Each structure stands twice: as C-alpha cells, then as structure tokens.
Amino acid sequence: MSNFDLASFGIDRLNRDERIELASAILQSVVEIPDKQELPPWLIAELDRRMDAYEKDPSQARAWDDVFAELTAKYAE
C-alpha cells in the first residue's frame, strides 16, 4: 500500500466533516466499480478452446492441486 502524504493532496487543510465527506465519496467510487470486468475476445477464445479440448478428452485434464504442487516443487527456492 502506498503512503500518501495528506498535505500533497490538500487533505490536511480539510476539517473533520470535510474529510469524512471525502472519505465517503472515495468509498462510494470504489463501490461503483463493477466487480466483473469484461474479458478480452482473445481470452474468451482461449477458454473456449480449452473447454472444447476438455470435453473431447476429459482424461487429459489435471487437478489444480497437482499442477500447483508440481510448479511449487519446480520453482521453489
């Protein structure tokens, strides 16, 4: 997390009520950000390709825990 200097934003000059109002506005702006971002077309195509491959031959799928363990063992220091 970044360390913001209140003075550089002029927040130090606000009184208590103004700071509360500012904090409320900032929090509201975060709430308004949608939780889901639209996926780019290339990613949708890749996910579709992988799902098709899985549906054709489910035996080739690997459990995430197995993949994670393999990568952890391979790249752990």
PDB file of N, CA and C in Angstrom:
ATOM      1  N   MET A   1       0.850  -1.176   0.000  1.00  0.00           N
ATOM      2  CA  MET A   1       0.000   0.000   0.000  1.00  0.00           C
ATOM      3  C   MET A   1       0.891   1.233   0.000  1.00  0.00           C
ATOM      4  N   SER A   2       0.515   2.211  -0.788  1.00  0.00           N
ATOM      5  CA  SER A   2       1.289   3.434  -0.882  1.00  0.00           C
ATOM      6  C   SER A   2       1.067   4.305   0.344  1.00  0.00           C
ATOM      7  N   ASN A   3       2.068   5.071   0.668  1.00  0.00           N
ATOM      8  CA  ASN A   3       1.938   6.044   1.748  1.00  0.00           C
ATOM      9  C   ASN A   3       1.630   7.392   1.123  1.00  0.00           C
ATOM     10  N   PHE A   4       0.407   7.850   1.296  1.00  0.00           N
ATOM     11  CA  PHE A   4       0.006   9.135   0.748  1.00  0.00           C
ATOM     12  C   PHE A   4       0.291  10.232   1.758  1.00  0.00           C
ATOM     13  N   ASP A   5       0.795  11.308   1.262  1.00  0.00           N
ATOM     14  CA  ASP A   5       1.039  12.478   2.093  1.00  0.00           C
ATOM     15  C   ASP A   5      -0.198  13.364   1.991  1.00  0.00           C
ATOM     16  N   LEU A   6      -0.936  13.483   3.083  1.00  0.00           N
ATOM     17  CA  LEU A   6      -2.177  14.244   3.070  1.00  0.00           C
ATOM     18  C   LEU A   6      -1.970  15.676   2.590  1.00  0.00           C
ATOM     19  N   ALA A   7      -0.838  16.251   2.926  1.00  0.00           N
ATOM     20  CA  ALA A   7      -0.568  17.639   2.540  1.00  0.00           C
ATOM     21  C   ALA A   7      -0.453  17.781   1.023  1.00  0.00           C
ATOM     22  N   SER A   8       0.108  16.774   0.362  1.00  0.00           N
ATOM     23  CA  SER A   8       0.287  16.890  -1.089  1.00  0.00           C
ATOM     24  C   SER A   8      -1.059  16.893  -1.817  1.00  0.00           C
ATOM     25  N   PHE A   9      -2.086  16.360  -1.189  1.00  0.00           N
ATOM     26  CA  PHE A   9      -3.422  16.385  -1.773  1.00  0.00           C
ATOM     27  C   PHE A   9      -4.288  17.493  -1.185  1.00  0.00           C
ATOM     28  N   GLY A  10      -3.757  18.241  -0.236  1.00  0.00           N
ATOM     29  CA  GLY A  10      -4.512  19.309   0.390  1.00  0.00           C
ATOM     30  C   GLY A  10      -5.506  18.814   1.430  1.00  0.00           C
ATOM     31  N   ILE A  11      -5.449  17.539   1.737  1.00  0.00           N
ATOM     32  CA  ILE A  11      -6.394  16.969   2.691  1.00  0.00           C
ATOM     33  C   ILE A  11      -6.157  17.494   4.098  1.00  0.00           C
ATOM     34  N   ASP A  12      -4.924  17.851   4.379  1.00  0.00           N
ATOM     35  CA  ASP A  12      -4.603  18.374   5.710  1.00  0.00           C
ATOM     36  C   ASP A  12      -5.325  19.686   6.001  1.00  0.00           C
ATOM     37  N   ARG A  13      -5.796  20.357   4.955  1.00  0.00           N
ATOM     38  CA  ARG A  13      -6.494  21.633   5.145  1.00  0.00           C
ATOM     39  C   ARG A  13      -8.003  21.452   5.340  1.00  0.00           C
ATOM     40  N   LEU A  14      -8.487  20.214   5.200  1.00  0.00           N
ATOM     41  CA  LEU A  14      -9.914  19.953   5.380  1.00  0.00           C
ATOM     42  C   LEU A  14     -10.237  19.748   6.860  1.00  0.00           C
ATOM     43  N   ASN A  15     -11.423  20.197   7.245  1.00  0.00           N
ATOM     44  CA  ASN A  15     -11.836  19.936   8.615  1.00  0.00           C
ATOM     45  C   ASN A  15     -12.381  18.509   8.714  1.00  0.00           C
ATOM     46  N   ARG A  16     -12.752  18.109   9.900  1.00  0.00           N
ATOM     47  CA  ARG A  16     -13.179  16.731  10.145  1.00  0.00           C
ATOM     48  C   ARG A  16     -14.350  16.335   9.263  1.00  0.00           C
ATOM     49  N   ASP A  17     -15.364  17.172   9.191  1.00  0.00           N
ATOM     50  CA  ASP A  17     -16.551  16.856   8.396  1.00  0.00           C
ATOM     51  C   ASP A  17     -16.215  16.756   6.906  1.00  0.00           C
ATOM     52  N   GLU A  18     -15.353  17.625   6.434  1.00  0.00           N
ATOM     53  CA  GLU A  18     -14.950  17.580   5.029  1.00  0.00           C
ATOM     54  C   GLU A  18     -14.156  16.297   4.723  1.00  0.00           C
ATOM     55  N   ARG A  19     -13.329  15.883   5.659  1.00  0.00           N
ATOM     56  CA  ARG A  19     -12.573  14.632   5.470  1.00  0.00           C
ATOM     57  C   ARG A  19     -13.504  13.434   5.427  1.00  0.00           C
ATOM     58  N   ILE A  20     -14.507  13.436   6.302  1.00  0.00           N
ATOM     59  CA  ILE A  20     -15.484  12.345   6.297  1.00  0.00           C
ATOM     60  C   ILE A  20     -16.235  12.327   4.973  1.00  0.00           C
ATOM     61  N   GLU A  21     -16.622  13.491   4.488  1.00  0.00           N
ATOM     62  CA  GLU A  21     -17.326  13.586   3.209  1.00  0.00           C
ATOM     63  C   GLU A  21     -16.432  13.089   2.066  1.00  0.00           C
ATOM     64  N   LEU A  22     -15.159  13.456   2.094  1.00  0.00           N
ATOM     65  CA  LEU A  22     -14.212  12.996   1.074  1.00  0.00           C
ATOM     66  C   LEU A  22     -14.034  11.484   1.140  1.00  0.00           C
ATOM     67  N   ALA A  23     -13.867  10.966   2.350  1.00  0.00           N
ATOM     68  CA  ALA A  23     -13.705   9.519   2.517  1.00  0.00           C
ATOM     69  C   ALA A  23     -14.938   8.780   2.012  1.00  0.00           C
ATOM     70  N   SER A  24     -16.103   9.309   2.291  1.00  0.00           N
ATOM     71  CA  SER A  24     -17.342   8.699   1.831  1.00  0.00           C
ATOM     72  C   SER A  24     -17.408   8.699   0.305  1.00  0.00           C
ATOM     73  N   ALA A  25     -17.022   9.809  -0.308  1.00  0.00           N
ATOM     74  CA  ALA A  25     -17.031   9.895  -1.772  1.00  0.00           C
ATOM     75  C   ALA A  25     -16.039   8.909  -2.382  1.00  0.00           C
ATOM     76  N   ILE A  26     -14.872   8.754  -1.769  1.00  0.00           N
ATOM     77  CA  ILE A  26     -13.876   7.807  -2.273  1.00  0.00           C
ATOM     78  C   ILE A  26     -14.410   6.383  -2.160  1.00  0.00           C
ATOM     79  N   LEU A  27     -14.976   6.029  -1.004  1.00  0.00           N
ATOM     80  CA  LEU A  27     -15.533   4.697  -0.825  1.00  0.00           C
ATOM     81  C   LEU A  27     -16.671   4.435  -1.805  1.00  0.00           C
ATOM     82  N   GLN A  28     -17.513   5.415  -2.036  1.00  0.00           N
ATOM     83  CA  GLN A  28     -18.611   5.258  -2.981  1.00  0.00           C
ATOM     84  C   GLN A  28     -18.070   5.020  -4.390  1.00  0.00           C
ATOM     85  N   SER A  29     -16.979   5.683  -4.746  1.00  0.00           N
ATOM     86  CA  SER A  29     -16.411   5.482  -6.085  1.00  0.00           C
ATOM     87  C   SER A  29     -15.865   4.069  -6.246  1.00  0.00           C
ATOM     88  N   VAL A  30     -15.392   3.473  -5.157  1.00  0.00           N
ATOM     89  CA  VAL A  30     -14.911   2.092  -5.206  1.00  0.00           C
ATOM     90  C   VAL A  30     -16.090   1.139  -5.373  1.00  0.00           C
ATOM     91  N   VAL A  31     -17.177   1.407  -4.686  1.00  0.00           N
ATOM     92  CA  VAL A  31     -18.371   0.569  -4.771  1.00  0.00           C
ATOM     93  C   VAL A  31     -18.926   0.587  -6.190  1.00  0.00           C
ATOM     94  N   GLU A  32     -18.803   1.704  -6.875  1.00  0.00           N
ATOM     95  CA  GLU A  32     -19.376   1.842  -8.208  1.00  0.00           C
ATOM     96  C   GLU A  32     -18.575   1.106  -9.278  1.00  0.00           C
ATOM     97  N   ILE A  33     -17.357   0.681  -8.964  1.00  0.00           N
ATOM     98  CA  ILE A  33     -16.557  -0.070  -9.922  1.00  0.00           C
ATOM     99  C   ILE A  33     -17.160  -1.464 -10.032  1.00  0.00           C
ATOM    100  N   PRO A  34     -17.480  -1.896 -11.237  1.00  0.00           N
ATOM    101  CA  PRO A  34     -18.089  -3.224 -11.361  1.00  0.00           C
ATOM    102  C   PRO A  34     -17.129  -4.319 -10.914  1.00  0.00           C
ATOM    103  N   ASP A  35     -17.706  -5.353 -10.272  1.00  0.00           N
ATOM    104  CA  ASP A  35     -16.900  -6.477  -9.813  1.00  0.00           C
ATOM    105  C   ASP A  35     -16.363  -7.296 -10.976  1.00  0.00           C
ATOM    106  N   LYS A  36     -17.129  -7.370 -12.025  1.00  0.00           N
ATOM    107  CA  LYS A  36     -16.737  -8.180 -13.168  1.00  0.00           C
ATOM    108  C   LYS A  36     -16.258  -7.279 -14.298  1.00  0.00           C
ATOM    109  N   GLN A  37     -15.095  -7.565 -14.771  1.00  0.00           N
ATOM    110  CA  GLN A  37     -14.563  -6.856 -15.923  1.00  0.00           C
ATOM    111  C   GLN A  37     -14.845  -7.702 -17.157  1.00  0.00           C
ATOM    112  N   GLU A  38     -15.082  -7.065 -18.264  1.00  0.00           N
ATOM    113  CA  GLU A  38     -15.323  -7.796 -19.496  1.00  0.00           C
ATOM    114  C   GLU A  38     -14.026  -8.456 -19.949  1.00  0.00           C
ATOM    115  N   LEU A  39     -14.112  -9.713 -20.324  1.00  0.00           N
ATOM    116  CA  LEU A  39     -12.929 -10.438 -20.781  1.00  0.00           C
ATOM    117  C   LEU A  39     -12.630 -10.066 -22.226  1.00  0.00           C
ATOM    118  N   PRO A  40     -11.346  -9.948 -22.557  1.00  0.00           N
ATOM    119  CA  PRO A  40     -10.993  -9.641 -23.940  1.00  0.00           C
ATOM    120  C   PRO A  40     -11.321 -10.835 -24.850  1.00  0.00           C
ATOM    121  N   PRO A  41     -11.631 -10.581 -26.105  1.00  0.00           N
ATOM    122  CA  PRO A  41     -12.008 -11.656 -27.027  1.00  0.00           C
ATOM    123  C   PRO A  41     -10.971 -12.774 -27.133  1.00  0.00           C
ATOM    124  N   TRP A  42      -9.692 -12.432 -27.079  1.00  0.00           N
ATOM    125  CA  TRP A  42      -8.664 -13.470 -27.211  1.00  0.00           C
ATOM    126  C   TRP A  42      -8.720 -14.447 -26.032  1.00  0.00           C
ATOM    127  N   LEU A  43      -9.056 -13.935 -24.843  1.00  0.00           N
ATOM    128  CA  LEU A  43      -9.128 -14.803 -23.674  1.00  0.00           C
ATOM    129  C   LEU A  43     -10.372 -15.692 -23.740  1.00  0.00           C
ATOM    130  N   ILE A  44     -11.474 -15.131 -24.189  1.00  0.00           N
ATOM    131  CA  ILE A  44     -12.686 -15.931 -24.362  1.00  0.00           C
ATOM    132  C   ILE A  44     -12.433 -17.065 -25.344  1.00  0.00           C
ATOM    133  N   ALA A  45     -11.748 -16.759 -26.458  1.00  0.00           N
ATOM    134  CA  ALA A  45     -11.432 -17.786 -27.452  1.00  0.00           C
ATOM    135  C   ALA A  45     -10.544 -18.872 -26.855  1.00  0.00           C
ATOM    136  N   GLU A  46      -9.560 -18.482 -26.057  1.00  0.00           N
ATOM    137  CA  GLU A  46      -8.661 -19.465 -25.436  1.00  0.00           C
ATOM    138  C   GLU A  46      -9.409 -20.333 -24.429  1.00  0.00           C
ATOM    139  N   LEU A  47     -10.276 -19.738 -23.645  1.00  0.00           N
ATOM    140  CA  LEU A  47     -11.063 -20.510 -22.691  1.00  0.00           C
ATOM    141  C   LEU A  47     -11.992 -21.480 -23.418  1.00  0.00           C
ATOM    142  N   ASP A  48     -12.594 -21.019 -24.514  1.00  0.00           N
ATOM    143  CA  ASP A  48     -13.449 -21.901 -25.314  1.00  0.00           C
ATOM    144  C   ASP A  48     -12.643 -23.057 -25.891  1.00  0.00           C
ATOM    145  N   ARG A  49     -11.440 -22.777 -26.386  1.00  0.00           N
ATOM    146  CA  ARG A  49     -10.581 -23.817 -26.944  1.00  0.00           C
ATOM    147  C   ARG A  49     -10.255 -24.863 -25.884  1.00  0.00           C
ATOM    148  N   ARG A  50      -9.910 -24.404 -24.704  1.00  0.00           N
ATOM    149  CA  ARG A  50      -9.568 -25.332 -23.624  1.00  0.00           C
ATOM    150  C   ARG A  50     -10.772 -26.155 -23.182  1.00  0.00           C
ATOM    151  N   MET A  51     -11.941 -25.535 -23.128  1.00  0.00           N
ATOM    152  CA  MET A  51     -13.145 -26.278 -22.741  1.00  0.00           C
ATOM    153  C   MET A  51     -13.469 -27.326 -23.800  1.00  0.00           C
ATOM    154  N   ASP A  52     -13.326 -26.976 -25.065  1.00  0.00           N
ATOM    155  CA  ASP A  52     -13.563 -27.947 -26.136  1.00  0.00           C
ATOM    156  C   ASP A  52     -12.605 -29.126 -26.017  1.00  0.00           C
ATOM    157  N   ALA A  53     -11.336 -28.843 -25.743  1.00  0.00           N
ATOM    158  CA  ALA A  53     -10.344 -29.914 -25.591  1.00  0.00           C
ATOM    159  C   ALA A  53     -10.706 -30.801 -24.407  1.00  0.00           C
ATOM    160  N   TYR A  54     -11.141 -30.214 -23.331  1.00  0.00           N
ATOM    161  CA  TYR A  54     -11.544 -30.990 -22.154  1.00  0.00           C
ATOM    162  C   TYR A  54     -12.746 -31.877 -22.474  1.00  0.00           C
ATOM    163  N   GLU A  55     -13.730 -31.305 -23.152  1.00  0.00           N
ATOM    164  CA  GLU A  55     -14.937 -32.065 -23.467  1.00  0.00           C
ATOM    165  C   GLU A  55     -14.644 -33.231 -24.409  1.00  0.00           C
ATOM    166  N   LYS A  56     -13.652 -33.062 -25.292  1.00  0.00           N
ATOM    167  CA  LYS A  56     -13.270 -34.140 -26.209  1.00  0.00           C
ATOM    168  C   LYS A  56     -12.535 -35.259 -25.478  1.00  0.00           C
ATOM    169  N   ASP A  57     -11.725 -34.903 -24.481  1.00  0.00           N
ATOM    170  CA  ASP A  57     -10.942 -35.920 -23.767  1.00  0.00           C
ATOM    171  C   ASP A  57     -10.690 -35.486 -22.327  1.00  0.00           C
ATOM    172  N   PRO A  58     -11.668 -35.688 -21.445  1.00  0.00           N
ATOM    173  CA  PRO A  58     -11.523 -35.271 -20.044  1.00  0.00           C
ATOM    174  C   PRO A  58     -10.361 -35.944 -19.316  1.00  0.00           C
ATOM    175  N   SER A  59      -9.892 -37.064 -19.819  1.00  0.00           N
ATOM    176  CA  SER A  59      -8.799 -37.765 -19.134  1.00  0.00           C
ATOM    177  C   SER A  59      -7.487 -36.983 -19.189  1.00  0.00           C
ATOM    178  N   GLN A  60      -7.398 -36.024 -20.084  1.00  0.00           N
ATOM    179  CA  GLN A  60      -6.178 -35.222 -20.197  1.00  0.00           C
ATOM    180  C   GLN A  60      -6.136 -34.062 -19.193  1.00  0.00           C
ATOM    181  N   ALA A  61      -7.245 -33.826 -18.511  1.00  0.00           N
ATOM    182  CA  ALA A  61      -7.302 -32.735 -17.530  1.00  0.00           C
ATOM    183  C   ALA A  61      -6.499 -33.110 -16.295  1.00  0.00           C
ATOM    184  N   ARG A  62      -5.977 -32.087 -15.632  1.00  0.00           N
ATOM    185  CA  ARG A  62      -5.219 -32.286 -14.396  1.00  0.00           C
ATOM    186  C   ARG A  62      -5.828 -31.426 -13.298  1.00  0.00           C
ATOM    187  N   ALA A  63      -5.847 -31.950 -12.098  1.00  0.00           N
ATOM    188  CA  ALA A  63      -6.373 -31.202 -10.957  1.00  0.00           C
ATOM    189  C   ALA A  63      -5.448 -30.030 -10.633  1.00  0.00           C
ATOM    190  N   TRP A  64      -6.045 -28.924 -10.244  1.00  0.00           N
ATOM    191  CA  TRP A  64      -5.260 -27.740  -9.919  1.00  0.00           C
ATOM    192  C   TRP A  64      -4.254 -28.026  -8.806  1.00  0.00           C
ATOM    193  N   ASP A  65      -4.634 -28.787  -7.816  1.00  0.00           N
ATOM    194  CA  ASP A  65      -3.718 -29.101  -6.716  1.00  0.00           C
ATOM    195  C   ASP A  65      -2.470 -29.806  -7.225  1.00  0.00           C
ATOM    196  N   ASP A  66      -2.632 -30.701  -8.203  1.00  0.00           N
ATOM    197  CA  ASP A  66      -1.485 -31.405  -8.774  1.00  0.00           C
ATOM    198  C   ASP A  66      -0.578 -30.451  -9.549  1.00  0.00           C
ATOM    199  N   VAL A  67      -1.181 -29.594 -10.345  1.00  0.00           N
ATOM    200  CA  VAL A  67      -0.410 -28.619 -11.127  1.00  0.00           C
ATOM    201  C   VAL A  67       0.335 -27.680 -10.183  1.00  0.00           C
ATOM    202  N   PHE A  68      -0.361 -27.201  -9.168  1.00  0.00           N
ATOM    203  CA  PHE A  68       0.252 -26.277  -8.211  1.00  0.00           C
ATOM    204  C   PHE A  68       1.431 -26.933  -7.487  1.00  0.00           C
ATOM    205  N   ALA A  69       1.242 -28.167  -7.059  1.00  0.00           N
ATOM    206  CA  ALA A  69       2.318 -28.883  -6.359  1.00  0.00           C
ATOM    207  C   ALA A  69       3.524 -29.073  -7.267  1.00  0.00           C
ATOM    208  N   GLU A  70       3.274 -29.410  -8.523  1.00  0.00           N
ATOM    209  CA  GLU A  70       4.373 -29.597  -9.475  1.00  0.00           C
ATOM    210  C   GLU A  70       5.140 -28.294  -9.703  1.00  0.00           C
ATOM    211  N   LEU A  71       4.420 -27.211  -9.897  1.00  0.00           N
ATOM    212  CA  LEU A  71       5.074 -25.920 -10.134  1.00  0.00           C
ATOM    213  C   LEU A  71       5.802 -25.427  -8.887  1.00  0.00           C
ATOM    214  N   THR A  72       5.213 -25.649  -7.736  1.00  0.00           N
ATOM    215  CA  THR A  72       5.856 -25.240  -6.492  1.00  0.00           C
ATOM    216  C   THR A  72       7.165 -25.999  -6.311  1.00  0.00           C
ATOM    217  N   ALA A  73       7.146 -27.296  -6.561  1.00  0.00           N
ATOM    218  CA  ALA A  73       8.355 -28.111  -6.423  1.00  0.00           C
ATOM    219  C   ALA A  73       9.404 -27.675  -7.443  1.00  0.00           C
ATOM    220  N   LYS A  74       8.964 -27.349  -8.631  1.00  0.00           N
ATOM    221  CA  LYS A  74       9.900 -26.997  -9.698  1.00  0.00           C
ATOM    222  C   LYS A  74      10.546 -25.624  -9.484  1.00  0.00           C
ATOM    223  N   TYR A  75       9.775 -24.661  -9.007  1.00  0.00           N
ATOM    224  CA  TYR A  75      10.263 -23.289  -8.931  1.00  0.00           C
ATOM    225  C   TYR A  75      10.525 -22.782  -7.514  1.00  0.00           C
ATOM    226  N   ALA A  76      10.301 -23.592  -6.505  1.00  0.00           N
ATOM    227  CA  ALA A  76      10.557 -23.158  -5.130  1.00  0.00           C
ATOM    228  C   ALA A  76      12.066 -23.027  -4.925  1.00  0.00           C
ATOM    229  N   GLU A  77      12.430 -22.058  -4.160  1.00  0.00           N
ATOM    230  CA  GLU A  77      13.860 -21.826  -3.906  1.00  0.00           C
ATOM    231  C   GLU A  77      14.360 -22.656  -2.763  1.00  0.00           C
TER     232      GLU A  77
END
